[in-house]
Structures are given as structure tokens and as C-alpha cells.
Amino acid sequence: MQNVKSGIFIMPFHSPEKPLAQCHDEDMELALRAEELGYDEFWVGEHHTVAWEPIVSPEMFIAAVFRQTKRMRLGPAPILLNLHHPAQVANRLAFLDHFSHGRLNLAFGYGGSPADFSMYGQEPSEMQSRLAESMGMILKIWDSEGPYELVGEHWTVKLESAGDEMGFGVVQKPYQRPHPPIAVPVTSRGSGSVKVAARLGFQPFSHSIIPGNVLKDQWDTYETAATEAGLEPRREDWKIARTVFLADTTREAEERARRNTIAIVHEYVAKAIQRRSGLGVMKRDLSMPDSNVDVNYFMRELVIAGDVDTALDRLLQLWDETGPFGTLVMMEFDWVDEDDRKAWLHSTELFIGELLPRLNAAVGATVNVG
């Protein structure tokens, strides 16, 4: 099988008490360090009204990183299609793909913040239809020449003329043809999003807050939907996000993870989703009471904290439960202080330098050298 690729995903997650400029500087430092270390992918979230997650335009951040790197692929995770006109998204992303010389990855999704919906005058019940409509229009724009008119429930895209001698009526197409690789974030059991991804031939991108049995359910759902659509599901296309924190000893890693932003993030996310759909997505056993979804559960089920040996054992257990996947995306969060910064960067180095090569060797993948 192919080598399991490496990735980093930042939501981002920063304390609202930290100056925004410092937050962005730290995210940039991490991205540039990831390039130096040899990470394959770097993903950046988009949020508009969430104090803890302050990047409102991942495309702008990514563009800045592209011009300071040469190899690593970057992408928004996801770009919130419900909040943007499809023609704007298609044009901006085609431009960014050329700007990056074809290093752009994409993830298409919709936001989970009720305040985002309210700010843009949208109803939560519209999100699935907005996502599907926008994806269809974006792909049509990238595949078509004018004139055309795309009329949907939420948007209309009208290009009245083909390109003329003055160059009017020309819409940019992506550098990568027919378009950059597209992933769809998926969270729940029997996910509707994973079925959409499968039918369109997009890559499933599984969330970090779900246990192994839900991950397996997502792949099974994707595989079935892709096969029914006449497409071949490829496990190398499956991206799995995990919160992994490494240190020289398991005791140190676990102690740090319980007091740094890993614990804060998981408690924060649990409270947020409990307000909306409930904690079921985080549970291995749906019958377990919500009160048991606590830090001890997170450390046991959702967080991989330890030395390289311990983390490898945990990942191999996950691999046995889910089957093969193509990219392991490491979640990274806020640095509390200088000591925490050094610990996170050390974890980042151990992940790419020791853990992932050993995982690839253990599962029989071809390990890249150099």
C-alpha cells in the first residue's frame, strides 16, 4: 500500500485573551515549521463569529504561507460554502490554485456556529441544501464556458457572454485540472456528508472528535455510497484527523495533555455540540451518559498522548479497527506559554520524524526516505 501521508490541522484554537496578531504569528510559525519538517499537508479552519477560532479567511492565511514555502500542500478545512456566493468561491480558489502553482487542497463544508448563520441571515435547516447547491455550481463554473445561467434555490450564477476580443467574460479555471483535490469533512455515524463525498468522488475527511467505531462506520458508509454511484472507493483518499501529543515519556505527554489546550479544546467542543446535536458523535457507546464524556474519556478514546511507542500502539489499534487510511492529520492547538510552545513543537517533530515512519513500517507501507 502507499505511504500514509502526514498533515496538520489548526481550527485554529486560541484563547480570546491572547492578542489576535500573536495568534496569527504563532499559526504562521507552525505552518513554516511544518514545511521545514516535511509535512505533506496543512489545513486551516474558517470561522466568523467564534472568539476561540479567529481565522475568518483561511485563503488569506494560506496565500501568505504559499509564498514562504515550496513543497507543502495547504487548504481550507473547510471553506464554508453556505456563507459565500458560489461564483466568488470558484473565482477565488481558481486564482489561489494558480498563485500556489498547484499546491492547493480543498475541503467543502458548512459552518456549525449559529451566530454565523444569524449574521448571514441563514437558517440551520438550509445548510445541506446550500452545500450541495454551491458545490454543484462551483464544479459547473470550472467545467463550462459562457454564456450560461445557473439557477438554484439559494443562488443564481449568470455569465452572459463568452470571452470576447477584449477578454471580457473569461472566468479563470483552476491550475489543477479539472480542479484541486476536494475533501468533505464528516463527523457523524451514517453521515449525509460522507454520502455526498462518495457520490461526487470527493475525499472523506473524518473529524478528530469521534471514536474508532464511528470512523469505521464512516468508511463503510462511504464505500457503499461510492460503489452504488459506480465509483471505486480508495482508502488512500481517506483522511483521518487525530489529536496526537507526543513527549519523551508517556507520563509527561499525558500530564501535559490534561493541563494544556488539548483538555480545554475537548471540553469546549463537547459543550458546543451538546447545545446542538448532542454528544452522540463523541461516544463509542450511545448508551453512555453524557456525564461520562469527560477528560478521562477524551484521553482514553479521542486523544493519543504518550511517547512514540505508546502512540504507535494506539494508532495500530485504530488501524485494526478502521482499516487502512491514506493521511493522518495531527490536530494542533494554542500554545499556553513558551514552555508549552516548545513541547508542542517537539511533539510535531516526533510525529513526522519518528511516529509516522514507524507506523508506515508496521502496516507495510513504503516509507519515504529523505
Protein backbone atom coordinates (compact mmCIF):
# COMPACT_ATOMS: atom_id res chain seq x y z
CA MET A 1 0.00 0.00 0.00
CA GLN A 2 1.03 3.61 -0.38
CA ASN A 3 2.81 5.55 2.30
CA VAL A 4 0.47 7.11 4.87
CA LYS A 5 0.80 10.87 4.43
CA SER A 6 1.17 13.45 7.17
CA GLY A 7 -0.92 16.51 7.88
CA ILE A 8 -1.57 19.23 10.44
CA PHE A 9 -4.94 20.89 11.04
CA ILE A 10 -5.49 24.09 13.00
CA MET A 11 -9.07 25.10 13.73
CA PRO A 12 -7.36 27.40 14.81
CA PHE A 13 -7.93 27.44 18.58
CA HIS A 14 -6.62 30.33 20.66
CA SER A 15 -7.57 31.91 23.96
CA PRO A 16 -9.65 35.06 23.38
CA GLU A 17 -7.35 36.72 25.93
CA LYS A 18 -4.36 36.40 23.60
CA PRO A 19 -3.82 39.27 21.11
CA LEU A 20 -5.07 38.31 17.66
CA ALA A 21 -1.82 39.36 15.99
CA GLN A 22 0.08 36.98 18.28
CA CYS A 23 -2.35 34.16 17.45
CA HIS A 24 -1.75 34.61 13.74
CA ASP A 25 2.02 34.85 14.23
CA GLU A 26 2.00 31.55 16.12
CA ASP A 27 -0.09 29.86 13.42
CA MET A 28 2.34 31.11 10.79
CA GLU A 29 5.31 29.86 12.79
CA LEU A 30 3.72 26.42 13.00
CA ALA A 31 2.96 26.32 9.27
CA LEU A 32 6.50 27.25 8.31
CA ARG A 33 7.93 24.73 10.76
CA ALA A 34 5.68 22.05 9.22
CA GLU A 35 7.19 22.83 5.81
CA GLU A 36 10.71 22.52 7.24
CA LEU A 37 9.90 19.18 8.87
CA GLY A 38 8.41 17.70 5.71
CA TYR A 39 4.69 17.54 6.42
CA ASP A 40 2.62 16.76 3.34
CA GLU A 41 -0.47 18.86 4.15
CA PHE A 42 -1.57 21.79 6.29
CA TRP A 43 -5.24 22.65 6.86
CA VAL A 44 -6.82 25.82 8.28
CA GLY A 45 -10.39 26.24 9.56
CA GLU A 46 -12.79 29.11 8.82
CA HIS A 47 -14.98 30.77 11.45
CA HIS A 48 -16.66 34.16 11.54
CA THR A 49 -18.18 34.67 15.00
CA VAL A 50 -16.24 32.32 17.29
CA ALA A 51 -13.84 34.01 19.72
CA TRP A 52 -11.74 30.88 20.21
CA GLU A 53 -11.31 30.25 16.46
CA PRO A 54 -10.20 33.55 14.93
CA ILE A 55 -9.25 32.92 11.28
CA VAL A 56 -12.13 34.27 9.19
CA SER A 57 -10.36 33.86 5.84
CA PRO A 58 -8.20 30.74 5.61
CA GLU A 59 -7.50 31.62 1.98
CA MET A 60 -5.65 34.79 3.01
CA PHE A 61 -3.60 32.91 5.59
CA ILE A 62 -2.86 30.11 3.14
CA ALA A 63 -1.77 32.57 0.45
CA ALA A 64 0.77 34.07 2.85
CA VAL A 65 2.13 30.60 3.63
CA PHE A 66 2.32 29.60 -0.03
CA ARG A 67 4.79 32.39 -0.78
CA GLN A 68 7.06 31.30 2.08
CA THR A 69 7.03 27.58 1.25
CA LYS A 70 7.84 25.45 -1.80
CA ARG A 71 6.53 21.93 -1.23
CA MET A 72 3.73 21.52 1.34
CA ARG A 73 0.11 21.49 0.17
CA LEU A 74 -2.38 23.70 2.02
CA GLY A 75 -6.12 24.08 2.12
CA PRO A 76 -9.13 25.49 3.97
CA ALA A 77 -10.85 22.90 6.18
CA PRO A 78 -13.44 23.61 5.18
CA ILE A 79 -14.31 26.68 3.23
CA LEU A 80 -17.85 27.42 4.44
CA LEU A 81 -19.80 27.31 1.20
CA ASN A 82 -23.05 28.39 2.83
CA LEU A 83 -21.54 31.81 3.64
CA HIS A 84 -20.20 32.69 0.17
CA HIS A 85 -21.59 33.16 -3.32
CA PRO A 86 -20.52 30.14 -5.44
CA ALA A 87 -19.07 32.33 -8.21
CA GLN A 88 -16.89 34.16 -5.69
CA VAL A 89 -15.63 30.86 -4.28
CA ALA A 90 -14.93 29.42 -7.73
CA ASN A 91 -13.02 32.53 -8.80
CA ARG A 92 -11.02 32.95 -5.59
CA LEU A 93 -10.00 29.31 -5.42
CA ALA A 94 -9.01 29.15 -9.10
CA PHE A 95 -6.83 32.20 -8.52
CA LEU A 96 -5.31 30.69 -5.36
CA ASP A 97 -4.54 27.45 -7.17
CA HIS A 98 -2.51 29.34 -9.78
CA PHE A 99 -0.96 31.52 -7.08
CA SER A 100 0.29 28.34 -5.36
CA HIS A 101 1.45 26.67 -8.59
CA GLY A 102 -0.98 23.82 -7.93
CA ARG A 103 -0.39 23.16 -4.22
CA LEU A 104 -3.97 23.91 -3.18
CA ASN A 105 -6.09 21.32 -1.41
CA LEU A 106 -9.78 21.94 -0.81
CA ALA A 107 -12.38 20.92 1.72
CA PHE A 108 -16.01 21.96 1.19
CA GLY A 109 -18.44 22.15 4.10
CA TYR A 110 -20.76 24.38 6.07
CA GLY A 111 -20.32 26.02 9.43
CA GLY A 112 -21.60 24.88 12.78
CA SER A 113 -21.93 28.24 14.52
CA PRO A 114 -25.49 29.51 14.98
CA ALA A 115 -24.07 33.04 15.22
CA ASP A 116 -22.54 32.62 11.74
CA PHE A 117 -25.93 31.58 10.36
CA SER A 118 -27.63 34.53 12.04
CA MET A 119 -25.06 37.05 10.79
CA TYR A 120 -25.61 35.93 7.21
CA GLY A 121 -29.39 35.59 7.54
CA GLN A 122 -29.49 31.82 7.16
CA GLU A 123 -31.39 29.00 8.82
CA PRO A 124 -29.64 25.85 10.07
CA SER A 125 -32.14 23.75 8.10
CA GLU A 126 -30.74 25.22 4.86
CA MET A 127 -27.17 24.08 5.32
CA GLN A 128 -27.23 20.75 3.48
CA SER A 129 -29.07 22.21 0.50
CA ARG A 130 -26.75 25.23 0.38
CA LEU A 131 -23.71 22.96 0.47
CA ALA A 132 -24.96 20.68 -2.30
CA GLU A 133 -26.10 23.59 -4.49
CA SER A 134 -22.87 25.53 -4.10
CA MET A 135 -20.66 22.51 -4.84
CA GLY A 136 -22.62 21.78 -7.99
CA MET A 137 -22.37 25.37 -9.21
CA ILE A 138 -18.63 25.64 -8.47
CA LEU A 139 -17.88 22.48 -10.41
CA LYS A 140 -20.07 23.70 -13.28
CA ILE A 141 -18.26 27.07 -13.40
CA TRP A 142 -14.90 25.32 -13.52
CA ASP A 143 -16.09 22.99 -16.28
CA SER A 144 -18.00 25.44 -18.51
CA GLU A 145 -17.53 28.32 -20.89
CA GLY A 146 -20.07 31.13 -21.14
CA PRO A 147 -22.70 32.02 -21.77
CA TYR A 148 -24.63 30.15 -19.08
CA GLU A 149 -27.12 30.70 -16.31
CA LEU A 150 -27.19 28.50 -13.21
CA VAL A 151 -30.38 28.98 -11.21
CA GLY A 152 -30.70 27.39 -7.80
CA GLU A 153 -32.78 27.69 -4.67
CA HIS A 154 -30.23 29.93 -2.96
CA TRP A 155 -28.07 31.50 -5.69
CA THR A 156 -28.03 32.38 -9.37
CA VAL A 157 -24.86 32.49 -11.44
CA LYS A 158 -25.17 34.17 -14.83
CA LEU A 159 -22.41 34.68 -17.37
CA GLU A 160 -23.97 36.45 -20.32
CA SER A 161 -21.18 36.13 -22.86
CA ALA A 162 -18.21 34.04 -23.81
CA GLY A 163 -14.77 35.63 -23.87
CA ASP A 164 -14.60 38.38 -26.46
CA GLU A 165 -11.67 40.12 -28.14
CA MET A 166 -11.31 42.37 -25.08
CA GLY A 167 -11.13 39.41 -22.70
CA PHE A 168 -14.47 40.14 -21.05
CA GLY A 169 -16.50 37.12 -20.00
CA VAL A 170 -13.49 34.91 -19.21
CA VAL A 171 -13.69 33.01 -15.93
CA GLN A 172 -10.48 31.52 -14.50
CA LYS A 173 -10.17 27.75 -14.33
CA PRO A 174 -8.00 26.06 -11.69
CA TYR A 175 -4.33 25.31 -12.25
CA GLN A 176 -5.00 21.66 -11.36
CA ARG A 177 -7.41 20.13 -13.80
CA PRO A 178 -10.22 19.53 -13.59
CA HIS A 179 -9.82 21.04 -10.11
CA PRO A 180 -7.76 20.67 -6.91
CA PRO A 181 -8.39 17.59 -4.75
CA ILE A 182 -11.62 18.13 -2.80
CA ALA A 183 -12.39 16.65 0.62
CA VAL A 184 -15.58 16.80 2.65
CA PRO A 185 -15.41 16.94 6.49
CA VAL A 186 -17.51 14.20 8.10
CA THR A 187 -18.43 13.79 11.75
CA SER A 188 -21.45 11.60 12.44
CA ARG A 189 -22.48 7.99 12.01
CA GLY A 190 -24.22 7.38 8.68
CA SER A 191 -23.12 10.88 7.69
CA GLY A 192 -25.04 12.56 4.91
CA SER A 193 -21.88 14.49 4.06
CA VAL A 194 -19.87 11.31 3.59
CA LYS A 195 -22.50 10.04 1.15
CA VAL A 196 -22.29 13.28 -0.84
CA ALA A 197 -18.50 12.99 -0.89
CA ALA A 198 -18.68 9.42 -2.14
CA ARG A 199 -21.16 10.17 -4.93
CA LEU A 200 -19.05 13.07 -6.21
CA GLY A 201 -15.75 11.23 -5.92
CA PHE A 202 -14.50 13.60 -3.20
CA GLN A 203 -12.26 12.52 -0.33
CA PRO A 204 -13.72 11.83 3.13
CA PHE A 205 -12.05 13.85 5.91
CA SER A 206 -13.02 12.36 9.28
CA HIS A 207 -13.16 14.57 12.35
CA SER A 208 -10.84 14.22 15.34
CA ILE A 209 -13.63 14.18 17.95
CA ILE A 210 -15.09 10.79 17.01
CA PRO A 211 -14.08 7.31 18.26
CA GLY A 212 -12.79 4.47 16.14
CA ASN A 213 -16.10 2.68 15.67
CA VAL A 214 -17.64 5.87 14.23
CA LEU A 215 -14.65 6.21 11.90
CA LYS A 216 -15.25 2.65 10.69
CA ASP A 217 -18.93 3.42 10.15
CA GLN A 218 -17.97 6.44 8.05
CA TRP A 219 -15.71 4.42 5.79
CA ASP A 220 -18.34 1.69 5.41
CA THR A 221 -20.91 4.34 4.51
CA TYR A 222 -18.53 5.99 2.04
CA GLU A 223 -17.60 2.68 0.45
CA THR A 224 -21.23 1.68 -0.05
CA ALA A 225 -22.29 5.05 -1.47
CA ALA A 226 -19.32 5.21 -3.85
CA THR A 227 -19.92 1.70 -5.13
CA GLU A 228 -23.61 2.46 -5.68
CA ALA A 229 -22.56 5.53 -7.68
CA GLY A 230 -20.33 3.40 -9.88
CA LEU A 231 -17.11 4.80 -8.42
CA GLU A 232 -14.17 2.98 -6.85
CA PRO A 233 -13.62 3.92 -3.19
CA ARG A 234 -9.90 4.23 -2.45
CA ARG A 235 -8.69 4.05 1.12
CA GLU A 236 -5.68 6.16 0.21
CA ASP A 237 -8.13 9.07 -0.25
CA TRP A 238 -9.36 8.82 3.36
CA LYS A 239 -8.05 11.48 5.72
CA ILE A 240 -8.36 10.94 9.46
CA ALA A 241 -7.75 13.75 11.93
CA ARG A 242 -6.49 12.79 15.40
CA THR A 243 -5.32 14.75 18.41
CA VAL A 244 -1.82 13.37 18.95
CA PHE A 245 0.53 14.76 21.59
CA LEU A 246 3.97 13.24 21.96
CA ALA A 247 6.71 13.64 24.55
CA ASP A 248 9.81 11.74 25.60
CA THR A 249 7.78 9.81 28.19
CA THR A 250 4.14 8.81 28.29
CA ARG A 251 3.75 10.28 31.76
CA GLU A 252 4.91 13.70 30.57
CA ALA A 253 2.68 13.60 27.49
CA GLU A 254 -0.42 12.63 29.46
CA GLU A 255 0.21 15.20 32.18
CA ARG A 256 0.72 17.97 29.67
CA ALA A 257 -2.32 16.98 27.61
CA ARG A 258 -4.52 17.14 30.69
CA ARG A 259 -3.47 20.70 31.50
CA ASN A 260 -2.77 22.33 28.15
CA THR A 261 -5.24 23.30 25.43
CA ILE A 262 -5.98 19.68 24.49
CA ALA A 263 -8.22 19.29 27.54
CA ILE A 264 -9.64 22.80 27.10
CA VAL A 265 -10.49 22.19 23.43
CA HIS A 266 -12.26 18.90 24.03
CA GLU A 267 -14.31 20.28 26.89
CA TYR A 268 -15.15 23.35 24.80
CA VAL A 269 -16.18 21.29 21.76
CA ALA A 270 -18.25 18.94 23.91
CA LYS A 271 -20.21 21.85 25.35
CA ALA A 272 -20.71 23.33 21.89
CA ILE A 273 -22.05 20.19 20.24
CA GLN A 274 -24.15 19.30 23.29
CA ARG A 275 -26.05 22.53 22.66
CA ARG A 276 -26.79 21.48 19.09
CA SER A 277 -26.97 17.83 18.07
CA GLY A 278 -25.88 16.26 21.35
CA LEU A 279 -22.81 14.29 22.38
CA GLY A 280 -23.61 11.15 20.40
CA VAL A 281 -20.89 11.80 17.82
CA MET A 282 -18.24 11.68 20.53
CA LYS A 283 -19.46 8.44 22.12
CA ARG A 284 -18.30 4.95 21.34
CA ASP A 285 -21.40 3.61 23.08
CA LEU A 286 -24.52 5.71 22.53
CA SER A 287 -25.99 4.46 25.79
CA MET A 288 -23.25 6.02 27.91
CA PRO A 289 -24.45 9.03 29.93
CA ASP A 290 -23.31 12.49 28.89
CA SER A 291 -21.67 12.93 32.28
CA ASN A 292 -19.11 10.26 31.31
CA VAL A 293 -17.95 12.28 28.31
CA ASP A 294 -15.21 13.92 30.31
CA VAL A 295 -11.44 14.44 30.21
CA ASN A 296 -10.78 10.83 31.23
CA TYR A 297 -12.94 9.62 28.32
CA PHE A 298 -11.23 12.01 25.91
CA MET A 299 -7.80 10.76 26.93
CA ARG A 300 -8.87 7.15 26.62
CA GLU A 301 -10.82 7.39 23.37
CA LEU A 302 -10.15 10.57 21.38
CA VAL A 303 -6.66 11.78 22.36
CA ILE A 304 -3.43 9.89 21.68
CA ALA A 305 -0.92 11.14 24.25
CA GLY A 306 2.30 9.33 25.03
CA ASP A 307 5.81 8.57 23.95
CA VAL A 308 6.33 7.25 20.42
CA ASP A 309 5.95 3.60 21.48
CA THR A 310 2.66 4.24 23.27
CA ALA A 311 1.27 6.38 20.44
CA LEU A 312 2.24 3.75 17.88
CA ASP A 313 0.37 1.06 19.82
CA ARG A 314 -2.70 3.31 19.93
CA LEU A 315 -2.53 4.03 16.21
CA LEU A 316 -2.14 0.36 15.34
CA GLN A 317 -5.24 -0.39 17.42
CA LEU A 318 -7.06 2.29 15.47
CA TRP A 319 -5.77 0.88 12.18
CA ASP A 320 -7.03 -2.57 13.14
CA GLU A 321 -10.47 -1.16 13.92
CA THR A 322 -10.90 1.15 10.93
CA GLY A 323 -8.80 -0.48 8.26
CA PRO A 324 -6.21 1.45 6.22
CA PHE A 325 -6.38 5.20 5.67
CA GLY A 326 -4.31 7.49 3.47
CA THR A 327 -3.49 10.56 5.56
CA LEU A 328 -3.09 11.04 9.30
CA VAL A 329 -3.79 14.67 10.15
CA MET A 330 -2.46 15.88 13.52
CA MET A 331 -4.57 18.43 15.39
CA GLU A 332 -2.64 21.35 16.90
CA PHE A 333 -3.92 23.98 19.33
CA ASP A 334 -2.89 27.11 21.19
CA TRP A 335 0.45 27.44 22.96
CA VAL A 336 -0.16 28.44 26.57
CA ASP A 337 3.35 29.77 27.22
CA GLU A 338 6.93 29.39 26.00
CA ASP A 339 7.38 26.03 27.72
CA ASP A 340 4.17 24.77 26.11
CA ARG A 341 5.29 26.10 22.71
CA LYS A 342 8.50 24.07 22.95
CA ALA A 343 6.54 20.98 23.99
CA TRP A 344 4.12 21.31 21.05
CA LEU A 345 6.93 21.81 18.55
CA HIS A 346 8.77 18.81 19.99
CA SER A 347 5.59 16.76 19.58
CA THR A 348 5.31 17.99 15.99
CA GLU A 349 8.88 16.84 15.31
CA LEU A 350 8.36 13.42 16.91
CA PHE A 351 5.16 12.86 14.90
CA ILE A 352 6.79 13.33 11.49
CA GLY A 353 10.29 12.17 12.39
CA GLU A 354 9.57 9.01 14.38
CA LEU A 355 5.91 8.10 14.80
CA LEU A 356 4.70 8.20 11.20
CA PRO A 357 7.70 6.34 9.72
CA ARG A 358 7.24 3.61 12.33
CA LEU A 359 3.50 3.42 11.62
CA ASN A 360 4.21 3.04 7.91
CA ALA A 361 6.76 0.34 8.56
CA ALA A 362 4.39 -1.51 10.91
CA VAL A 363 1.50 -1.59 8.41
CA GLY A 364 3.69 -2.48 5.45
CA ALA A 365 3.66 0.87 3.67
CA THR A 366 6.56 2.24 1.67
CA VAL A 367 8.41 4.69 3.87
CA ASN A 368 9.73 7.77 2.11
CA VAL A 369 13.40 8.43 2.77
CA GLY A 370 14.85 11.94 2.79
